[in-house]
Amino acid sequence: AGLQGKNLEGRLVTPALIDCHTHLVYGGSRATEFELRLQGA
């Protein structure tokens, strides 16, 4: 009760989020083939 605390002013609090499936580490880019596919390749 004696803790001053931080007033979050009614905001929503959730657990910190978790991404359980990524391939985040990689080299290069595949933007060119994205474009080629949309051009019909």
Full PDB file with SEQRES, HELIX, SHEET, SSBOND, CRYST1, ORIGX, SCALE, CONECT and MASTER records, all heavy atoms in Angstrom:
SEQRES   1 A   41  ALA GLY LEU GLN GLY LYS ASN LEU GLU GLY ARG LEU VAL          
SEQRES   2 A   41  THR PRO ALA LEU ILE ASP CYS HIS THR HIS LEU VAL TYR          
SEQRES   3 A   41  GLY GLY SER ARG ALA THR GLU PHE GLU LEU ARG LEU GLN          
SEQRES   4 A   41  GLY ALA                                                      
HELIX    1 AA1 ALA A   31  LEU A   38  1                                   8    
CRYST1    1.000    1.000    1.000  90.00  90.00  90.00 P 1           1          
ORIGX1      1.000000  0.000000  0.000000        0.00000                         
ORIGX2      0.000000  1.000000  0.000000        0.00000                         
ORIGX3      0.000000  0.000000  1.000000        0.00000                         
SCALE1      1.000000  0.000000  0.000000        0.00000                         
SCALE2      0.000000  1.000000  0.000000        0.00000                         
SCALE3      0.000000  0.000000  1.000000        0.00000                         
ATOM      1  N   ALA A   1       0.817  -1.215   0.000  1.00  0.00           N  
ATOM      2  CA  ALA A   1       0.000   0.000   0.000  1.00  0.00           C  
ATOM      3  C   ALA A   1       0.852   1.267   0.000  1.00  0.00           C  
ATOM      4  O   ALA A   1       0.433   2.314  -0.493  1.00  0.00           O  
ATOM      5  CB  ALA A   1      -0.940   0.000   1.202  1.00  0.00           C  
ATOM      6  N   GLY A   2       2.058   1.180   0.533  1.00  0.00           N  
ATOM      7  CA  GLY A   2       2.915   2.360   0.609  1.00  0.00           C  
ATOM      8  C   GLY A   2       3.677   2.666  -0.670  1.00  0.00           C  
ATOM      9  O   GLY A   2       4.332   3.712  -0.771  1.00  0.00           O  
ATOM     10  N   LEU A   3       3.589   1.779  -1.640  1.00  0.00           N  
ATOM     11  CA  LEU A   3       4.301   2.011  -2.894  1.00  0.00           C  
ATOM     12  C   LEU A   3       3.587   3.098  -3.701  1.00  0.00           C  
ATOM     13  O   LEU A   3       2.372   3.056  -3.873  1.00  0.00           O  
ATOM     14  CB  LEU A   3       4.351   0.723  -3.720  1.00  0.00           C  
ATOM     15  CG  LEU A   3       5.131  -0.457  -3.123  1.00  0.00           C  
ATOM     16  CD1 LEU A   3       4.982  -1.686  -4.024  1.00  0.00           C  
ATOM     17  CD2 LEU A   3       6.601  -0.109  -2.955  1.00  0.00           C  
ATOM     18  N   GLN A   4       4.338   4.087  -4.174  1.00  0.00           N  
ATOM     19  CA  GLN A   4       3.734   5.171  -4.933  1.00  0.00           C  
ATOM     20  C   GLN A   4       3.175   4.655  -6.256  1.00  0.00           C  
ATOM     21  O   GLN A   4       2.062   4.954  -6.635  1.00  0.00           O  
ATOM     22  CB  GLN A   4       4.754   6.279  -5.191  1.00  0.00           C  
ATOM     23  CG  GLN A   4       4.155   7.480  -5.905  1.00  0.00           C  
ATOM     24  CD  GLN A   4       5.139   8.631  -6.011  1.00  0.00           C  
ATOM     25  OE1 GLN A   4       6.251   8.563  -5.498  1.00  0.00           O  
ATOM     26  NE2 GLN A   4       4.738   9.691  -6.683  1.00  0.00           N  
ATOM     27  N   GLY A   5       3.962   3.881  -6.936  1.00  0.00           N  
ATOM     28  CA  GLY A   5       3.491   3.214  -8.141  1.00  0.00           C  
ATOM     29  C   GLY A   5       3.389   4.119  -9.355  1.00  0.00           C  
ATOM     30  O   GLY A   5       3.446   5.347  -9.265  1.00  0.00           O  
ATOM     31  N   LYS A   6       3.224   3.488 -10.502  1.00  0.00           N  
ATOM     32  CA  LYS A   6       3.047   4.200 -11.769  1.00  0.00           C  
ATOM     33  C   LYS A   6       1.618   4.051 -12.229  1.00  0.00           C  
ATOM     34  O   LYS A   6       1.105   2.933 -12.356  1.00  0.00           O  
ATOM     35  CB  LYS A   6       4.004   3.641 -12.832  1.00  0.00           C  
ATOM     36  CG  LYS A   6       3.880   4.356 -14.171  1.00  0.00           C  
ATOM     37  CD  LYS A   6       4.942   3.927 -15.165  1.00  0.00           C  
ATOM     38  CE  LYS A   6       4.797   4.715 -16.461  1.00  0.00           C  
ATOM     39  NZ  LYS A   6       5.858   4.385 -17.445  1.00  0.00           N  
ATOM     40  N   ASN A   7       0.955   5.162 -12.486  1.00  0.00           N  
ATOM     41  CA  ASN A   7      -0.429   5.178 -12.942  1.00  0.00           C  
ATOM     42  C   ASN A   7      -0.455   4.939 -14.451  1.00  0.00           C  
ATOM     43  O   ASN A   7       0.027   5.770 -15.226  1.00  0.00           O  
ATOM     44  CB  ASN A   7      -1.061   6.529 -12.600  1.00  0.00           C  
ATOM     45  CG  ASN A   7      -2.539   6.593 -12.951  1.00  0.00           C  
ATOM     46  OD1 ASN A   7      -3.088   5.675 -13.588  1.00  0.00           O  
ATOM     47  ND2 ASN A   7      -3.204   7.659 -12.544  1.00  0.00           N  
ATOM     48  N   LEU A   8      -1.011   3.816 -14.870  1.00  0.00           N  
ATOM     49  CA  LEU A   8      -1.073   3.485 -16.293  1.00  0.00           C  
ATOM     50  C   LEU A   8      -2.310   4.065 -16.977  1.00  0.00           C  
ATOM     51  O   LEU A   8      -2.537   3.817 -18.162  1.00  0.00           O  
ATOM     52  CB  LEU A   8      -1.017   1.973 -16.485  1.00  0.00           C  
ATOM     53  CG  LEU A   8       0.291   1.316 -16.020  1.00  0.00           C  
ATOM     54  CD1 LEU A   8       0.269  -0.186 -16.294  1.00  0.00           C  
ATOM     55  CD2 LEU A   8       1.500   1.953 -16.688  1.00  0.00           C  
ATOM     56  N   GLU A   9      -3.104   4.817 -16.238  1.00  0.00           N  
ATOM     57  CA  GLU A   9      -4.205   5.615 -16.789  1.00  0.00           C  
ATOM     58  C   GLU A   9      -5.197   4.782 -17.603  1.00  0.00           C  
ATOM     59  O   GLU A   9      -5.679   5.191 -18.657  1.00  0.00           O  
ATOM     60  CB  GLU A   9      -3.645   6.768 -17.629  1.00  0.00           C  
ATOM     61  CG  GLU A   9      -2.761   7.700 -16.817  1.00  0.00           C  
ATOM     62  CD  GLU A   9      -2.148   8.810 -17.651  1.00  0.00           C  
ATOM     63  OE1 GLU A   9      -2.125   8.678 -18.899  1.00  0.00           O  
ATOM     64  OE2 GLU A   9      -1.699   9.798 -17.060  1.00  0.00           O  
ATOM     65  N   GLY A  10      -5.481   3.586 -17.100  1.00  0.00           N  
ATOM     66  CA  GLY A  10      -6.494   2.740 -17.727  1.00  0.00           C  
ATOM     67  C   GLY A  10      -6.029   1.977 -18.952  1.00  0.00           C  
ATOM     68  O   GLY A  10      -6.839   1.318 -19.621  1.00  0.00           O  
ATOM     69  N   ARG A  11      -4.738   2.032 -19.265  1.00  0.00           N  
ATOM     70  CA  ARG A  11      -4.239   1.336 -20.459  1.00  0.00           C  
ATOM     71  C   ARG A  11      -4.307  -0.181 -20.280  1.00  0.00           C  
ATOM     72  O   ARG A  11      -4.363  -0.699 -19.168  1.00  0.00           O  
ATOM     73  CB  ARG A  11      -2.808   1.760 -20.760  1.00  0.00           C  
ATOM     74  CG  ARG A  11      -2.660   3.214 -21.201  1.00  0.00           C  
ATOM     75  CD  ARG A  11      -1.217   3.527 -21.571  1.00  0.00           C  
ATOM     76  NE  ARG A  11      -1.074   4.884 -22.076  1.00  0.00           N  
ATOM     77  CZ  ARG A  11      -0.801   5.941 -21.336  1.00  0.00           C  
ATOM     78  NH1 ARG A  11      -0.635   5.797 -20.015  1.00  0.00           N  
ATOM     79  NH2 ARG A  11      -0.682   7.134 -21.883  1.00  0.00           N  
ATOM     80  N   LEU A  12      -4.265  -0.868 -21.418  1.00  0.00           N  
ATOM     81  CA  LEU A  12      -4.258  -2.332 -21.423  1.00  0.00           C  
ATOM     82  C   LEU A  12      -2.851  -2.851 -21.164  1.00  0.00           C  
ATOM     83  O   LEU A  12      -1.878  -2.356 -21.741  1.00  0.00           O  
ATOM     84  CB  LEU A  12      -4.751  -2.856 -22.769  1.00  0.00           C  
ATOM     85  CG  LEU A  12      -4.699  -4.381 -22.949  1.00  0.00           C  
ATOM     86  CD1 LEU A  12      -5.756  -5.057 -22.092  1.00  0.00           C  
ATOM     87  CD2 LEU A  12      -4.889  -4.754 -24.421  1.00  0.00           C  
ATOM     88  N   VAL A  13      -2.753  -3.868 -20.320  1.00  0.00           N  
ATOM     89  CA  VAL A  13      -1.489  -4.561 -20.072  1.00  0.00           C  
ATOM     90  C   VAL A  13      -1.664  -6.017 -20.482  1.00  0.00           C  
ATOM     91  O   VAL A  13      -2.648  -6.666 -20.104  1.00  0.00           O  
ATOM     92  CB  VAL A  13      -1.080  -4.475 -18.585  1.00  0.00           C  
ATOM     93  CG1 VAL A  13       0.158  -5.318 -18.316  1.00  0.00           C  
ATOM     94  CG2 VAL A  13      -0.834  -3.025 -18.186  1.00  0.00           C  
ATOM     95  N   THR A  14      -0.727  -6.522 -21.270  1.00  0.00           N  
ATOM     96  CA  THR A  14      -0.722  -7.943 -21.648  1.00  0.00           C  
ATOM     97  C   THR A  14       0.656  -8.523 -21.339  1.00  0.00           C  
ATOM     98  O   THR A  14       1.625  -7.776 -21.157  1.00  0.00           O  
ATOM     99  CB  THR A  14      -0.984  -8.139 -23.156  1.00  0.00           C  
ATOM    100  OG1 THR A  14       0.168  -7.696 -23.902  1.00  0.00           O  
ATOM    101  CG2 THR A  14      -2.218  -7.394 -23.616  1.00  0.00           C  
ATOM    102  N   PRO A  15       0.755  -9.845 -21.314  1.00  0.00           N  
ATOM    103  CA  PRO A  15       2.102 -10.412 -21.286  1.00  0.00           C  
ATOM    104  C   PRO A  15       2.892  -9.912 -22.498  1.00  0.00           C  
ATOM    105  O   PRO A  15       2.310  -9.641 -23.560  1.00  0.00           O  
ATOM    106  CB  PRO A  15       1.851 -11.925 -21.377  1.00  0.00           C  
ATOM    107  CG  PRO A  15       0.441 -12.110 -20.931  1.00  0.00           C  
ATOM    108  CD  PRO A  15      -0.299 -10.883 -21.368  1.00  0.00           C  
ATOM    109  N   ALA A  16       4.193  -9.744 -22.350  1.00  0.00           N  
ATOM    110  CA  ALA A  16       5.018  -9.429 -23.506  1.00  0.00           C  
ATOM    111  C   ALA A  16       4.792 -10.499 -24.571  1.00  0.00           C  
ATOM    112  O   ALA A  16       4.601 -11.683 -24.261  1.00  0.00           O  
ATOM    113  CB  ALA A  16       6.485  -9.360 -23.111  1.00  0.00           C  
ATOM    114  N   LEU A  17       4.805 -10.106 -25.829  1.00  0.00           N  
ATOM    115  CA  LEU A  17       4.448 -11.023 -26.906  1.00  0.00           C  
ATOM    116  C   LEU A  17       5.612 -11.953 -27.258  1.00  0.00           C  
ATOM    117  O   LEU A  17       6.779 -11.664 -26.977  1.00  0.00           O  
ATOM    118  CB  LEU A  17       3.991 -10.239 -28.139  1.00  0.00           C  
ATOM    119  CG  LEU A  17       2.852  -9.237 -27.906  1.00  0.00           C  
ATOM    120  CD1 LEU A  17       2.390  -8.652 -29.232  1.00  0.00           C  
ATOM    121  CD2 LEU A  17       1.693  -9.865 -27.149  1.00  0.00           C  
ATOM    122  N   ILE A  18       5.252 -13.075 -27.889  1.00  0.00           N  
ATOM    123  CA  ILE A  18       6.208 -14.131 -28.228  1.00  0.00           C  
ATOM    124  C   ILE A  18       5.980 -14.546 -29.673  1.00  0.00           C  
ATOM    125  O   ILE A  18       4.850 -14.866 -30.052  1.00  0.00           O  
ATOM    126  CB  ILE A  18       6.018 -15.355 -27.307  1.00  0.00           C  
ATOM    127  CG1 ILE A  18       6.247 -14.983 -25.843  1.00  0.00           C  
ATOM    128  CG2 ILE A  18       6.943 -16.504 -27.727  1.00  0.00           C  
ATOM    129  CD1 ILE A  18       5.776 -16.055 -24.858  1.00  0.00           C  
ATOM    130  N   ASP A  19       7.036 -14.535 -30.479  1.00  0.00           N  
ATOM    131  CA  ASP A  19       6.950 -15.090 -31.834  1.00  0.00           C  
ATOM    132  C   ASP A  19       7.693 -16.416 -31.821  1.00  0.00           C  
ATOM    133  O   ASP A  19       8.919 -16.455 -31.699  1.00  0.00           O  
ATOM    134  CB  ASP A  19       7.560 -14.144 -32.865  1.00  0.00           C  
ATOM    135  CG  ASP A  19       7.205 -14.540 -34.298  1.00  0.00           C  
ATOM    136  OD1 ASP A  19       7.074 -15.753 -34.552  1.00  0.00           O  
ATOM    137  OD2 ASP A  19       7.063 -13.659 -35.157  1.00  0.00           O  
ATOM    138  N   CYS A  20       6.960 -17.509 -31.947  1.00  0.00           N  
ATOM    139  CA  CYS A  20       7.533 -18.840 -31.734  1.00  0.00           C  
ATOM    140  C   CYS A  20       8.000 -19.530 -33.012  1.00  0.00           C  
ATOM    141  O   CYS A  20       8.372 -20.705 -32.974  1.00  0.00           O  
ATOM    142  CB  CYS A  20       6.549 -19.728 -30.979  1.00  0.00           C  
ATOM    143  SG  CYS A  20       5.014 -20.082 -31.867  1.00  0.00           S  
ATOM    144  N   HIS A  21       8.011 -18.818 -34.163  1.00  0.00           N  
ATOM    145  CA  HIS A  21       8.473 -19.441 -35.412  1.00  0.00           C  
ATOM    146  C   HIS A  21       8.965 -18.351 -36.354  1.00  0.00           C  
ATOM    147  O   HIS A  21       8.167 -17.661 -36.995  1.00  0.00           O  
ATOM    148  CB  HIS A  21       7.337 -20.230 -36.063  1.00  0.00           C  
ATOM    149  CG  HIS A  21       7.713 -20.943 -37.327  1.00  0.00           C  
ATOM    150  ND1 HIS A  21       7.418 -22.278 -37.546  1.00  0.00           N  
ATOM    151  CD2 HIS A  21       8.322 -20.528 -38.464  1.00  0.00           C  
ATOM    152  CE1 HIS A  21       7.839 -22.633 -38.752  1.00  0.00           C  
ATOM    153  NE2 HIS A  21       8.405 -21.570 -39.330  1.00  0.00           N  
ATOM    154  N   THR A  22      10.300 -18.194 -36.458  1.00  0.00           N  
ATOM    155  CA  THR A  22      10.865 -17.266 -37.438  1.00  0.00           C  
ATOM    156  C   THR A  22      12.128 -17.861 -38.057  1.00  0.00           C  
ATOM    157  O   THR A  22      12.769 -18.752 -37.503  1.00  0.00           O  
ATOM    158  CB  THR A  22      11.244 -15.886 -36.841  1.00  0.00           C  
ATOM    159  OG1 THR A  22      12.547 -15.937 -36.249  1.00  0.00           O  
ATOM    160  CG2 THR A  22      10.226 -15.400 -35.828  1.00  0.00           C  
ATOM    161  N   HIS A  23      12.469 -17.313 -39.231  1.00  0.00           N  
ATOM    162  CA  HIS A  23      13.730 -17.586 -39.918  1.00  0.00           C  
ATOM    163  C   HIS A  23      14.448 -16.243 -40.066  1.00  0.00           C  
ATOM    164  O   HIS A  23      14.870 -15.861 -41.153  1.00  0.00           O  
ATOM    165  CB  HIS A  23      13.475 -18.204 -41.285  1.00  0.00           C  
ATOM    166  CG  HIS A  23      12.620 -19.437 -41.276  1.00  0.00           C  
ATOM    167  ND1 HIS A  23      13.127 -20.703 -41.492  1.00  0.00           N  
ATOM    168  CD2 HIS A  23      11.281 -19.605 -41.078  1.00  0.00           C  
ATOM    169  CE1 HIS A  23      12.136 -21.598 -41.443  1.00  0.00           C  
ATOM    170  NE2 HIS A  23      11.011 -20.943 -41.189  1.00  0.00           N  
ATOM    171  N   LEU A  24      14.575 -15.520 -38.978  1.00  0.00           N  
ATOM    172  CA  LEU A  24      14.959 -14.118 -39.016  1.00  0.00           C  
ATOM    173  C   LEU A  24      16.386 -13.877 -39.502  1.00  0.00           C  
ATOM    174  O   LEU A  24      16.685 -12.834 -40.085  1.00  0.00           O  
ATOM    175  CB  LEU A  24      14.755 -13.508 -37.616  1.00  0.00           C  
ATOM    176  CG  LEU A  24      14.981 -12.015 -37.486  1.00  0.00           C  
ATOM    177  CD1 LEU A  24      13.844 -11.364 -36.723  1.00  0.00           C  
ATOM    178  CD2 LEU A  24      16.305 -11.734 -36.773  1.00  0.00           C  
ATOM    179  N   VAL A  25      17.285 -14.824 -39.265  1.00  0.00           N  
ATOM    180  CA  VAL A  25      18.684 -14.656 -39.675  1.00  0.00           C  
ATOM    181  C   VAL A  25      18.883 -15.243 -41.072  1.00  0.00           C  
ATOM    182  O   VAL A  25      18.727 -16.453 -41.280  1.00  0.00           O  
ATOM    183  CB  VAL A  25      19.640 -15.333 -38.674  1.00  0.00           C  
ATOM    184  CG1 VAL A  25      21.078 -15.297 -39.197  1.00  0.00           C  
ATOM    185  CG2 VAL A  25      19.551 -14.650 -37.310  1.00  0.00           C  
ATOM    186  N   TYR A  26      19.212 -14.394 -42.020  1.00  0.00           N  
ATOM    187  CA  TYR A  26      19.498 -14.860 -43.389  1.00  0.00           C  
ATOM    188  C   TYR A  26      20.235 -13.766 -44.135  1.00  0.00           C  
ATOM    189  O   TYR A  26      20.211 -12.590 -43.740  1.00  0.00           O  
ATOM    190  CB  TYR A  26      18.213 -15.240 -44.136  1.00  0.00           C  
ATOM    191  CG  TYR A  26      17.188 -14.135 -44.277  1.00  0.00           C  
ATOM    192  CD1 TYR A  26      17.265 -13.198 -45.314  1.00  0.00           C  
ATOM    193  CD2 TYR A  26      16.134 -14.022 -43.372  1.00  0.00           C  
ATOM    194  CE1 TYR A  26      16.334 -12.188 -45.444  1.00  0.00           C  
ATOM    195  CE2 TYR A  26      15.200 -13.013 -43.493  1.00  0.00           C  
ATOM    196  CZ  TYR A  26      15.300 -12.095 -44.526  1.00  0.00           C  
ATOM    197  OH  TYR A  26      14.374 -11.090 -44.648  1.00  0.00           O  
ATOM    198  N   GLY A  27      20.869 -14.126 -45.226  1.00  0.00           N  
ATOM    199  CA  GLY A  27      21.561 -13.166 -46.062  1.00  0.00           C  
ATOM    200  C   GLY A  27      20.757 -12.830 -47.303  1.00  0.00           C  
ATOM    201  O   GLY A  27      19.969 -13.639 -47.794  1.00  0.00           O  
ATOM    202  N   GLY A  28      20.970 -11.634 -47.830  1.00  0.00           N  
ATOM    203  CA  GLY A  28      20.376 -11.259 -49.100  1.00  0.00           C  
ATOM    204  C   GLY A  28      18.906 -10.907 -49.030  1.00  0.00           C  
ATOM    205  O   GLY A  28      18.334 -10.699 -47.958  1.00  0.00           O  
ATOM    206  N   SER A  29      18.288 -10.847 -50.210  1.00  0.00           N  
ATOM    207  CA  SER A  29      16.872 -10.488 -50.350  1.00  0.00           C  
ATOM    208  C   SER A  29      16.269 -11.283 -51.497  1.00  0.00           C  
ATOM    209  O   SER A  29      16.971 -11.681 -52.423  1.00  0.00           O  
ATOM    210  CB  SER A  29      16.739  -8.990 -50.643  1.00  0.00           C  
ATOM    211  OG  SER A  29      15.425  -8.650 -51.038  1.00  0.00           O  
ATOM    212  N   ARG A  30      14.976 -11.516 -51.415  1.00  0.00           N  
ATOM    213  CA  ARG A  30      14.280 -12.218 -52.502  1.00  0.00           C  
ATOM    214  C   ARG A  30      13.255 -11.295 -53.175  1.00  0.00           C  
ATOM    215  O   ARG A  30      12.292 -11.763 -53.791  1.00  0.00           O  
ATOM    216  CB  ARG A  30      13.598 -13.481 -51.957  1.00  0.00           C  
ATOM    217  CG  ARG A  30      14.545 -14.443 -51.235  1.00  0.00           C  
ATOM    218  CD  ARG A  30      14.969 -15.602 -52.086  1.00  0.00           C  
ATOM    219  NE  ARG A  30      13.899 -16.582 -52.195  1.00  0.00           N  
ATOM    220  CZ  ARG A  30      13.616 -17.515 -51.268  1.00  0.00           C  
ATOM    221  NH1 ARG A  30      14.354 -17.601 -50.172  1.00  0.00           N  
ATOM    222  NH2 ARG A  30      12.639 -18.368 -51.459  1.00  0.00           N  
ATOM    223  N   ALA A  31      13.452  -9.981 -53.043  1.00  0.00           N  
ATOM    224  CA  ALA A  31      12.503  -9.031 -53.620  1.00  0.00           C  
ATOM    225  C   ALA A  31      12.445  -9.160 -55.145  1.00  0.00           C  
ATOM    226  O   ALA A  31      11.366  -9.001 -55.750  1.00  0.00           O  
ATOM    227  CB  ALA A  31      12.873  -7.597 -53.235  1.00  0.00           C  
ATOM    228  N   THR A  32      13.575  -9.465 -55.756  1.00  0.00           N  
ATOM    229  CA  THR A  32      13.599  -9.582 -57.214  1.00  0.00           C  
ATOM    230  C   THR A  32      12.709 -10.720 -57.692  1.00  0.00           C  
ATOM    231  O   THR A  32      11.932 -10.567 -58.643  1.00  0.00           O  
ATOM    232  CB  THR A  32      15.037  -9.791 -57.724  1.00  0.00           C  
ATOM    233  OG1 THR A  32      15.821  -8.651 -57.373  1.00  0.00           O  
ATOM    234  CG2 THR A  32      15.058  -9.966 -59.236  1.00  0.00           C  
ATOM    235  N   GLU A  33      12.791 -11.874 -57.016  1.00  0.00           N  
ATOM    236  CA  GLU A  33      11.949 -12.989 -57.458  1.00  0.00           C  
ATOM    237  C   GLU A  33      10.480 -12.742 -57.129  1.00  0.00           C  
ATOM    238  O   GLU A  33       9.593 -13.224 -57.839  1.00  0.00           O  
ATOM    239  CB  GLU A  33      12.432 -14.317 -56.889  1.00  0.00           C  
ATOM    240  CG  GLU A  33      12.198 -14.524 -55.412  1.00  0.00           C  
ATOM    241  CD  GLU A  33      12.679 -15.898 -54.967  1.00  0.00           C  
ATOM    242  OE1 GLU A  33      13.889 -16.155 -55.028  1.00  0.00           O  
ATOM    243  OE2 GLU A  33      11.822 -16.696 -54.546  1.00  0.00           O  
ATOM    244  N   PHE A  34      10.205 -11.984 -56.081  1.00  0.00           N  
ATOM    245  CA  PHE A  34       8.823 -11.565 -55.795  1.00  0.00           C  
ATOM    246  C   PHE A  34       8.273 -10.787 -56.991  1.00  0.00           C  
ATOM    247  O   PHE A  34       7.162 -11.026 -57.463  1.00  0.00           O  
ATOM    248  CB  PHE A  34       8.824 -10.697 -54.525  1.00  0.00           C  
ATOM    249  CG  PHE A  34       7.523 -10.011 -54.218  1.00  0.00           C  
ATOM    250  CD1 PHE A  34       6.446 -10.720 -53.714  1.00  0.00           C  
ATOM    251  CD2 PHE A  34       7.381  -8.641 -54.406  1.00  0.00           C  
ATOM    252  CE1 PHE A  34       5.245 -10.086 -53.416  1.00  0.00           C  
ATOM    253  CE2 PHE A  34       6.188  -7.997 -54.114  1.00  0.00           C  
ATOM    254  CZ  PHE A  34       5.119  -8.716 -53.619  1.00  0.00           C  
ATOM    255  N   GLU A  35       9.098  -9.882 -57.492  1.00  0.00           N  
ATOM    256  CA  GLU A  35       8.691  -9.095 -58.653  1.00  0.00           C  
ATOM    257  C   GLU A  35       8.551  -9.965 -59.901  1.00  0.00           C  
ATOM    258  O   GLU A  35       7.588  -9.835 -60.664  1.00  0.00           O  
ATOM    259  CB  GLU A  35       9.712  -7.976 -58.895  1.00  0.00           C  
ATOM    260  CG  GLU A  35       9.309  -6.998 -59.987  1.00  0.00           C  
ATOM    261  CD  GLU A  35      10.214  -5.783 -60.029  1.00  0.00           C  
ATOM    262  OE1 GLU A  35      11.417  -5.913 -59.724  1.00  0.00           O  
ATOM    263  OE2 GLU A  35       9.707  -4.698 -60.370  1.00  0.00           O  
ATOM    264  N   LEU A  36       9.497 -10.888 -60.103  1.00  0.00           N  
ATOM    265  CA  LEU A  36       9.451 -11.767 -61.276  1.00  0.00           C  
ATOM    266  C   LEU A  36       8.197 -12.640 -61.277  1.00  0.00           C  
ATOM    267  O   LEU A  36       7.578 -12.852 -62.324  1.00  0.00           O  
ATOM    268  CB  LEU A  36      10.703 -12.647 -61.324  1.00  0.00           C  
ATOM    269  CG  LEU A  36      12.011 -11.946 -61.709  1.00  0.00           C  
ATOM    270  CD1 LEU A  36      13.189 -12.885 -61.529  1.00  0.00           C  
ATOM    271  CD2 LEU A  36      11.943 -11.437 -63.147  1.00  0.00           C  
ATOM    272  N   ARG A  37       7.817 -13.160 -60.097  1.00  0.00           N  
ATOM    273  CA  ARG A  37       6.608 -13.987 -60.016  1.00  0.00           C  
ATOM    274  C   ARG A  37       5.387 -13.191 -60.453  1.00  0.00           C  
ATOM    275  O   ARG A  37       4.513 -13.695 -61.143  1.00  0.00           O  
ATOM    276  CB  ARG A  37       6.404 -14.518 -58.594  1.00  0.00           C  
ATOM    277  CG  ARG A  37       7.304 -15.678 -58.218  1.00  0.00           C  
ATOM    278  CD  ARG A  37       6.722 -16.501 -57.077  1.00  0.00           C  
ATOM    279  NE  ARG A  37       6.382 -15.702 -55.916  1.00  0.00           N  
ATOM    280  CZ  ARG A  37       7.228 -15.418 -54.923  1.00  0.00           C  
ATOM    281  NH1 ARG A  37       8.483 -15.850 -54.973  1.00  0.00           N  
ATOM    282  NH2 ARG A  37       6.830 -14.706 -53.885  1.00  0.00           N  
ATOM    283  N   LEU A  38       5.332 -11.931 -60.028  1.00  0.00           N  
ATOM    284  CA  LEU A  38       4.188 -11.100 -60.370  1.00  0.00           C  
ATOM    285  C   LEU A  38       4.213 -10.653 -61.830  1.00  0.00           C  
ATOM    286  O   LEU A  38       3.209 -10.165 -62.354  1.00  0.00           O  
ATOM    287  CB  LEU A  38       4.126  -9.887 -59.437  1.00  0.00           C  
ATOM    288  CG  LEU A  38       3.789 -10.259 -57.980  1.00  0.00           C  
ATOM    289  CD1 LEU A  38       3.946  -9.075 -57.067  1.00  0.00           C  
ATOM    290  CD2 LEU A  38       2.375 -10.829 -57.883  1.00  0.00           C  
ATOM    291  N   GLN A  39       5.352 -10.845 -62.481  1.00  0.00           N  
ATOM    292  CA  GLN A  39       5.453 -10.576 -63.917  1.00  0.00           C  
ATOM    293  C   GLN A  39       5.206 -11.842 -64.744  1.00  0.00           C  
ATOM    294  O   GLN A  39       5.311 -11.807 -65.968  1.00  0.00           O  
ATOM    295  CB  GLN A  39       6.832  -9.994 -64.241  1.00  0.00           C  
ATOM    296  CG  GLN A  39       7.047  -8.590 -63.686  1.00  0.00           C  
ATOM    297  CD  GLN A  39       8.471  -8.097 -63.843  1.00  0.00           C  
ATOM    298  OE1 GLN A  39       9.366  -8.878 -64.179  1.00  0.00           O  
ATOM    299  NE2 GLN A  39       8.688  -6.816 -63.598  1.00  0.00           N  
ATOM    300  N   GLY A  40       4.904 -12.962 -64.028  1.00  0.00           N  
ATOM    301  CA  GLY A  40       4.524 -14.176 -64.725  1.00  0.00           C  
ATOM    302  C   GLY A  40       5.521 -15.307 -64.716  1.00  0.00           C  
ATOM    303  O   GLY A  40       5.242 -16.396 -65.236  1.00  0.00           O  
ATOM    304  N   ALA A  41       6.712 -15.106 -64.116  1.00  0.00           N  
ATOM    305  CA  ALA A  41       7.714 -16.173 -64.076  1.00  0.00           C  
ATOM    306  C   ALA A  41       7.259 -17.284 -63.136  1.00  0.00           C  
ATOM    307  O   ALA A  41       6.649 -17.029 -62.091  1.00  0.00           O  
ATOM    308  CB  ALA A  41       9.059 -15.620 -63.615  1.00  0.00           C  
TER     309      ALA A  41                                                      
MASTER        0    0    0    1    0    0    0    6  308    1    0    4          
END                                                                             
